[in-house]
């Protein structure tokens, strides 16, 4: 897998948000690692993964797995 740049990462987060809204659900996502370096600090051009903690787990796992396919 190639590294995701900032725009690709934001696109994935927007897709998660849209899918949550479609089922009238909310989630809390805490980003860590390379994702923060790319999105917040802009110290790197990309990262290969998102290091996250999220809840509620069930709906988020379903959405993330669906997007990953």
PDB file of N, CA and C in Angstrom:
ATOM      1  N   UNK A   1       0.831  -1.180   0.000  1.00  0.00           N
ATOM      2  CA  UNK A   1       0.000   0.000   0.000  1.00  0.00           C
ATOM      3  C   UNK A   1       0.870   1.236   0.000  1.00  0.00           C
ATOM      4  N   UNK A   2       0.544   2.170  -0.865  1.00  0.00           N
ATOM      5  CA  UNK A   2       1.263   3.435  -0.911  1.00  0.00           C
ATOM      6  C   UNK A   2       0.833   4.328   0.252  1.00  0.00           C
ATOM      7  N   UNK A   3       1.669   5.269   0.583  1.00  0.00           N
ATOM      8  CA  UNK A   3       1.334   6.206   1.654  1.00  0.00           C
ATOM      9  C   UNK A   3       0.168   7.093   1.230  1.00  0.00           C
ATOM     10  N   UNK A   4      -0.715   7.395   2.177  1.00  0.00           N
ATOM     11  CA  UNK A   4      -1.833   8.309   1.939  1.00  0.00           C
ATOM     12  C   UNK A   4      -1.365   9.726   2.244  1.00  0.00           C
ATOM     13  N   UNK A   5      -1.703  10.650   1.343  1.00  0.00           N
ATOM     14  CA  UNK A   5      -1.373  12.036   1.621  1.00  0.00           C
ATOM     15  C   UNK A   5      -2.498  12.686   2.424  1.00  0.00           C
ATOM     16  N   UNK A   6      -2.326  13.932   2.781  1.00  0.00           N
ATOM     17  CA  UNK A   6      -3.284  14.636   3.629  1.00  0.00           C
ATOM     18  C   UNK A   6      -4.680  14.642   2.999  1.00  0.00           C
ATOM     19  N   UNK A   7      -4.778  14.931   1.713  1.00  0.00           N
ATOM     20  CA  UNK A   7      -6.084  14.987   1.054  1.00  0.00           C
ATOM     21  C   UNK A   7      -6.781  13.632   1.051  1.00  0.00           C
ATOM     22  N   UNK A   8      -6.032  12.564   0.832  1.00  0.00           N
ATOM     23  CA  UNK A   8      -6.622  11.220   0.856  1.00  0.00           C
ATOM     24  C   UNK A   8      -7.114  10.878   2.263  1.00  0.00           C
ATOM     25  N   UNK A   9      -6.330  11.229   3.266  1.00  0.00           N
ATOM     26  CA  UNK A   9      -6.712  10.952   4.637  1.00  0.00           C
ATOM     27  C   UNK A   9      -7.981  11.711   5.006  1.00  0.00           C
ATOM     28  N   UNK A  10      -8.056  12.977   4.626  1.00  0.00           N
ATOM     29  CA  UNK A  10      -9.259  13.765   4.903  1.00  0.00           C
ATOM     30  C   UNK A  10     -10.464  13.186   4.173  1.00  0.00           C
ATOM     31  N   UNK A  11     -10.244  12.688   2.978  1.00  0.00           N
ATOM     32  CA  UNK A  11     -11.328  12.067   2.216  1.00  0.00           C
ATOM     33  C   UNK A  11     -11.889  10.851   2.949  1.00  0.00           C
ATOM     34  N   UNK A  12     -11.023  10.018   3.498  1.00  0.00           N
ATOM     35  CA  UNK A  12     -11.469   8.854   4.268  1.00  0.00           C
ATOM     36  C   UNK A  12     -12.254   9.293   5.517  1.00  0.00           C
ATOM     37  N   UNK A  13     -11.764  10.303   6.204  1.00  0.00           N
ATOM     38  CA  UNK A  13     -12.461  10.783   7.392  1.00  0.00           C
ATOM     39  C   UNK A  13     -13.829  11.368   7.028  1.00  0.00           C
ATOM     40  N   UNK A  14     -13.900  12.079   5.913  1.00  0.00           N
ATOM     41  CA  UNK A  14     -15.183  12.615   5.446  1.00  0.00           C
ATOM     42  C   UNK A  14     -16.146  11.493   5.073  1.00  0.00           C
ATOM     43  N   UNK A  15     -15.635  10.427   4.474  1.00  0.00           N
ATOM     44  CA  UNK A  15     -16.474   9.275   4.122  1.00  0.00           C
ATOM     45  C   UNK A  15     -17.014   8.606   5.384  1.00  0.00           C
ATOM     46  N   UNK A  16     -16.180   8.460   6.387  1.00  0.00           N
ATOM     47  CA  UNK A  16     -16.644   7.902   7.657  1.00  0.00           C
ATOM     48  C   UNK A  16     -17.750   8.786   8.239  1.00  0.00           C
ATOM     49  N   UNK A  17     -17.532  10.091   8.221  1.00  0.00           N
ATOM     50  CA  UNK A  17     -18.520  11.020   8.753  1.00  0.00           C
ATOM     51  C   UNK A  17     -19.848  10.916   7.994  1.00  0.00           C
ATOM     52  N   UNK A  18     -19.782  10.826   6.672  1.00  0.00           N
ATOM     53  CA  UNK A  18     -20.994  10.715   5.861  1.00  0.00           C
ATOM     54  C   UNK A  18     -21.749   9.427   6.168  1.00  0.00           C
ATOM     55  N   UNK A  19     -21.025   8.344   6.335  1.00  0.00           N
ATOM     56  CA  UNK A  19     -21.686   7.067   6.638  1.00  0.00           C
ATOM     57  C   UNK A  19     -22.288   7.063   8.032  1.00  0.00           C
ATOM     58  N   UNK A  20     -21.634   7.697   8.970  1.00  0.00           N
ATOM     59  CA  UNK A  20     -22.219   7.823  10.304  1.00  0.00           C
ATOM     60  C   UNK A  20     -23.503   8.650  10.241  1.00  0.00           C
ATOM     61  N   UNK A  21     -23.469   9.750   9.519  1.00  0.00           N
ATOM     62  CA  UNK A  21     -24.646  10.609   9.392  1.00  0.00           C
ATOM     63  C   UNK A  21     -25.795   9.870   8.718  1.00  0.00           C
ATOM     64  N   UNK A  22     -25.484   9.017   7.759  1.00  0.00           N
ATOM     65  CA  UNK A  22     -26.514   8.276   7.025  1.00  0.00           C
ATOM     66  C   UNK A  22     -27.311   7.336   7.930  1.00  0.00           C
ATOM     67  N   UNK A  23     -26.696   6.900   9.011  1.00  0.00           N
ATOM     68  CA  UNK A  23     -27.393   6.007   9.952  1.00  0.00           C
ATOM     69  C   UNK A  23     -27.668   6.723  11.284  1.00  0.00           C
ATOM     70  N   UNK A  24     -27.572   8.049  11.248  1.00  0.00           N
ATOM     71  CA  UNK A  24     -27.840   8.887  12.422  1.00  0.00           C
ATOM     72  C   UNK A  24     -27.029   8.432  13.637  1.00  0.00           C
ATOM     73  N   UNK A  25     -25.740   8.218  13.409  1.00  0.00           N
ATOM     74  CA  UNK A  25     -24.838   7.781  14.479  1.00  0.00           C
ATOM     75  C   UNK A  25     -23.723   8.800  14.660  1.00  0.00           C
ATOM     76  N   UNK A  26     -23.118   8.772  15.812  1.00  0.00           N
ATOM     77  CA  UNK A  26     -21.969   9.621  16.115  1.00  0.00           C
ATOM     78  C   UNK A  26     -20.823   8.751  16.594  1.00  0.00           C
ATOM     79  N   UNK A  27     -19.611   9.271  16.450  1.00  0.00           N
ATOM     80  CA  UNK A  27     -18.439   8.551  16.908  1.00  0.00           C
ATOM     81  C   UNK A  27     -17.399   9.539  17.388  1.00  0.00           C
ATOM     82  N   UNK A  28     -16.519   9.044  18.194  1.00  0.00           N
ATOM     83  CA  UNK A  28     -15.361   9.817  18.625  1.00  0.00           C
ATOM     84  C   UNK A  28     -14.134   9.085  18.116  1.00  0.00           C
ATOM     85  N   UNK A  29     -13.262   9.824  17.420  1.00  0.00           N
ATOM     86  CA  UNK A  29     -12.047   9.239  16.852  1.00  0.00           C
ATOM     87  C   UNK A  29     -10.857  10.018  17.398  1.00  0.00           C
ATOM     88  N   UNK A  30      -9.886   9.302  17.951  1.00  0.00           N
ATOM     89  CA  UNK A  30      -8.648   9.912  18.427  1.00  0.00           C
ATOM     90  C   UNK A  30      -7.532   9.429  17.515  1.00  0.00           C
ATOM     91  N   UNK A  31      -6.898  10.361  16.827  1.00  0.00           N
ATOM     92  CA  UNK A  31      -5.792  10.034  15.918  1.00  0.00           C
ATOM     93  C   UNK A  31      -4.464  10.086  16.665  1.00  0.00           C
ATOM     94  N   UNK A  32      -3.528   9.263  16.228  1.00  0.00           N
ATOM     95  CA  UNK A  32      -2.188   9.243  16.820  1.00  0.00           C
ATOM     96  C   UNK A  32      -1.166   8.932  15.725  1.00  0.00           C
ATOM     97  N   UNK A  33       0.087   9.004  16.063  1.00  0.00           N
ATOM     98  CA  UNK A  33       1.160   8.582  15.171  1.00  0.00           C
ATOM     99  C   UNK A  33       1.268   9.394  13.897  1.00  0.00           C
ATOM    100  N   UNK A  34       1.554   8.676  12.805  1.00  0.00           N
ATOM    101  CA  UNK A  34       1.791   9.308  11.514  1.00  0.00           C
ATOM    102  C   UNK A  34       0.627  10.142  11.020  1.00  0.00           C
ATOM    103  N   UNK A  35      -0.599   9.743  11.343  1.00  0.00           N
ATOM    104  CA  UNK A  35      -1.775  10.507  10.921  1.00  0.00           C
ATOM    105  C   UNK A  35      -1.729  11.925  11.479  1.00  0.00           C
ATOM    106  N   UNK A  36      -1.331  12.058  12.729  1.00  0.00           N
ATOM    107  CA  UNK A  36      -1.237  13.384  13.344  1.00  0.00           C
ATOM    108  C   UNK A  36      -0.103  14.181  12.718  1.00  0.00           C
ATOM    109  N   UNK A  37       1.002  13.522  12.462  1.00  0.00           N
ATOM    110  CA  UNK A  37       2.150  14.198  11.852  1.00  0.00           C
ATOM    111  C   UNK A  37       1.765  14.766  10.487  1.00  0.00           C
ATOM    112  N   UNK A  38       0.993  14.018   9.721  1.00  0.00           N
ATOM    113  CA  UNK A  38       0.576  14.464   8.385  1.00  0.00           C
ATOM    114  C   UNK A  38      -0.534  15.503   8.466  1.00  0.00           C
ATOM    115  N   UNK A  39      -1.585  15.214   9.231  1.00  0.00           N
ATOM    116  CA  UNK A  39      -2.767  16.079   9.237  1.00  0.00           C
ATOM    117  C   UNK A  39      -2.598  17.352  10.055  1.00  0.00           C
ATOM    118  N   UNK A  40      -1.946  17.264  11.191  1.00  0.00           N
ATOM    119  CA  UNK A  40      -1.872  18.409  12.086  1.00  0.00           C
ATOM    120  C   UNK A  40      -0.563  19.172  11.937  1.00  0.00           C
ATOM    121  N   UNK A  41       0.540  18.458  12.016  1.00  0.00           N
ATOM    122  CA  UNK A  41       1.838  19.119  12.021  1.00  0.00           C
ATOM    123  C   UNK A  41       2.402  19.346  10.624  1.00  0.00           C
ATOM    124  N   UNK A  42       1.874  18.621   9.646  1.00  0.00           N
ATOM    125  CA  UNK A  42       2.311  18.721   8.251  1.00  0.00           C
ATOM    126  C   UNK A  42       3.830  18.588   8.111  1.00  0.00           C
ATOM    127  N   UNK A  43       4.386  17.647   8.883  1.00  0.00           N
ATOM    128  CA  UNK A  43       5.828  17.409   8.868  1.00  0.00           C
ATOM    129  C   UNK A  43       6.232  16.313   7.895  1.00  0.00           C
ATOM    130  N   UNK A  44       5.235  15.555   7.391  1.00  0.00           N
ATOM    131  CA  UNK A  44       5.484  14.509   6.399  1.00  0.00           C
ATOM    132  C   UNK A  44       4.424  14.614   5.325  1.00  0.00           C
ATOM    133  N   UNK A  45       4.747  14.063   4.166  1.00  0.00           N
ATOM    134  CA  UNK A  45       3.799  14.100   3.055  1.00  0.00           C
ATOM    135  C   UNK A  45       2.715  13.035   3.160  1.00  0.00           C
ATOM    136  N   UNK A  46       2.986  11.940   3.880  1.00  0.00           N
ATOM    137  CA  UNK A  46       1.990  10.878   3.947  1.00  0.00           C
ATOM    138  C   UNK A  46       2.298   9.844   5.000  1.00  0.00           C
ATOM    139  N   UNK A  47       1.355   8.919   5.172  1.00  0.00           N
ATOM    140  CA  UNK A  47       1.499   7.799   6.093  1.00  0.00           C
ATOM    141  C   UNK A  47       0.776   6.599   5.508  1.00  0.00           C
ATOM    142  N   UNK A  48       1.185   5.410   5.890  1.00  0.00           N
ATOM    143  CA  UNK A  48       0.581   4.196   5.342  1.00  0.00           C
ATOM    144  C   UNK A  48      -0.651   3.737   6.106  1.00  0.00           C
ATOM    145  N   UNK A  49      -0.867   4.281   7.312  1.00  0.00           N
ATOM    146  CA  UNK A  49      -2.016   3.837   8.090  1.00  0.00           C
ATOM    147  C   UNK A  49      -2.482   4.927   9.040  1.00  0.00           C
ATOM    148  N   UNK A  50      -3.638   4.697   9.618  1.00  0.00           N
ATOM    149  CA  UNK A  50      -4.186   5.549  10.659  1.00  0.00           C
ATOM    150  C   UNK A  50      -4.022   4.803  11.980  1.00  0.00           C
ATOM    151  N   UNK A  51      -3.387   5.429  12.949  1.00  0.00           N
ATOM    152  CA  UNK A  51      -3.360   4.889  14.307  1.00  0.00           C
ATOM    153  C   UNK A  51      -4.483   5.605  15.043  1.00  0.00           C
ATOM    154  N   UNK A  52      -5.511   4.853  15.412  1.00  0.00           N
ATOM    155  CA  UNK A  52      -6.695   5.484  15.997  1.00  0.00           C
ATOM    156  C   UNK A  52      -7.260   4.688  17.168  1.00  0.00           C
ATOM    157  N   UNK A  53      -7.987   5.400  17.969  1.00  0.00           N
ATOM    158  CA  UNK A  53      -8.867   4.816  18.972  1.00  0.00           C
ATOM    159  C   UNK A  53     -10.235   5.381  18.645  1.00  0.00           C
ATOM    160  N   UNK A  54     -11.250   4.540  18.619  1.00  0.00           N
ATOM    161  CA  UNK A  54     -12.578   5.038  18.278  1.00  0.00           C
ATOM    162  C   UNK A  54     -13.654   4.338  19.087  1.00  0.00           C
ATOM    163  N   UNK A  55     -14.782   5.025  19.198  1.00  0.00           N
ATOM    164  CA  UNK A  55     -15.951   4.422  19.827  1.00  0.00           C
ATOM    165  C   UNK A  55     -17.179   5.057  19.213  1.00  0.00           C
ATOM    166  N   UNK A  56     -18.268   4.415  19.108  1.00  0.00           N
ATOM    167  CA  UNK A  56     -18.531   3.030  19.464  1.00  0.00           C
ATOM    168  C   UNK A  56     -17.860   2.079  18.482  1.00  0.00           C
ATOM    169  N   UNK A  57     -17.348   1.002  18.988  1.00  0.00           N
ATOM    170  CA  UNK A  57     -16.545   0.083  18.180  1.00  0.00           C
ATOM    171  C   UNK A  57     -17.333  -0.620  17.088  1.00  0.00           C
ATOM    172  N   UNK A  58     -18.534  -1.094  17.386  1.00  0.00           N
ATOM    173  CA  UNK A  58     -19.278  -1.903  16.412  1.00  0.00           C
ATOM    174  C   UNK A  58     -19.538  -1.165  15.109  1.00  0.00           C
ATOM    175  N   UNK A  59     -20.149   0.003  15.164  1.00  0.00           N
ATOM    176  CA  UNK A  59     -20.482   0.743  13.939  1.00  0.00           C
ATOM    177  C   UNK A  59     -19.216   1.199  13.227  1.00  0.00           C
ATOM    178  N   UNK A  60     -18.202   1.603  13.984  1.00  0.00           N
ATOM    179  CA  UNK A  60     -16.966   2.069  13.356  1.00  0.00           C
ATOM    180  C   UNK A  60     -16.242   0.930  12.648  1.00  0.00           C
ATOM    181  N   UNK A  61     -16.182  -0.251  13.255  1.00  0.00           N
ATOM    182  CA  UNK A  61     -15.536  -1.392  12.591  1.00  0.00           C
ATOM    183  C   UNK A  61     -16.246  -1.716  11.288  1.00  0.00           C
ATOM    184  N   UNK A  62     -17.569  -1.693  11.321  1.00  0.00           N
ATOM    185  CA  UNK A  62     -18.345  -1.979  10.117  1.00  0.00           C
ATOM    186  C   UNK A  62     -18.054  -0.963   9.013  1.00  0.00           C
ATOM    187  N   UNK A  63     -18.058   0.302   9.341  1.00  0.00           N
ATOM    188  CA  UNK A  63     -17.802   1.357   8.357  1.00  0.00           C
ATOM    189  C   UNK A  63     -16.377   1.265   7.826  1.00  0.00           C
ATOM    190  N   UNK A  64     -15.416   1.127   8.704  1.00  0.00           N
ATOM    191  CA  UNK A  64     -14.001   1.082   8.294  1.00  0.00           C
ATOM    192  C   UNK A  64     -13.742  -0.132   7.408  1.00  0.00           C
ATOM    193  N   UNK A  65     -14.261  -1.285   7.793  1.00  0.00           N
ATOM    194  CA  UNK A  65     -14.066  -2.482   6.963  1.00  0.00           C
ATOM    195  C   UNK A  65     -14.721  -2.333   5.599  1.00  0.00           C
ATOM    196  N   UNK A  66     -15.888  -1.706   5.550  1.00  0.00           N
ATOM    197  CA  UNK A  66     -16.576  -1.496   4.280  1.00  0.00           C
ATOM    198  C   UNK A  66     -15.772  -0.567   3.374  1.00  0.00           C
ATOM    199  N   UNK A  67     -15.244   0.501   3.918  1.00  0.00           N
ATOM    200  CA  UNK A  67     -14.429   1.444   3.131  1.00  0.00           C
ATOM    201  C   UNK A  67     -13.142   0.775   2.664  1.00  0.00           C
ATOM    202  N   UNK A  68     -12.550  -0.061   3.507  1.00  0.00           N
ATOM    203  CA  UNK A  68     -11.272  -0.713   3.169  1.00  0.00           C
ATOM    204  C   UNK A  68     -11.403  -1.693   2.016  1.00  0.00           C
ATOM    205  N   UNK A  69     -12.599  -2.236   1.803  1.00  0.00           N
ATOM    206  CA  UNK A  69     -12.797  -3.208   0.728  1.00  0.00           C
ATOM    207  C   UNK A  69     -12.768  -2.487  -0.563  1.00  0.00           C
TER     208      UNK A  69
END
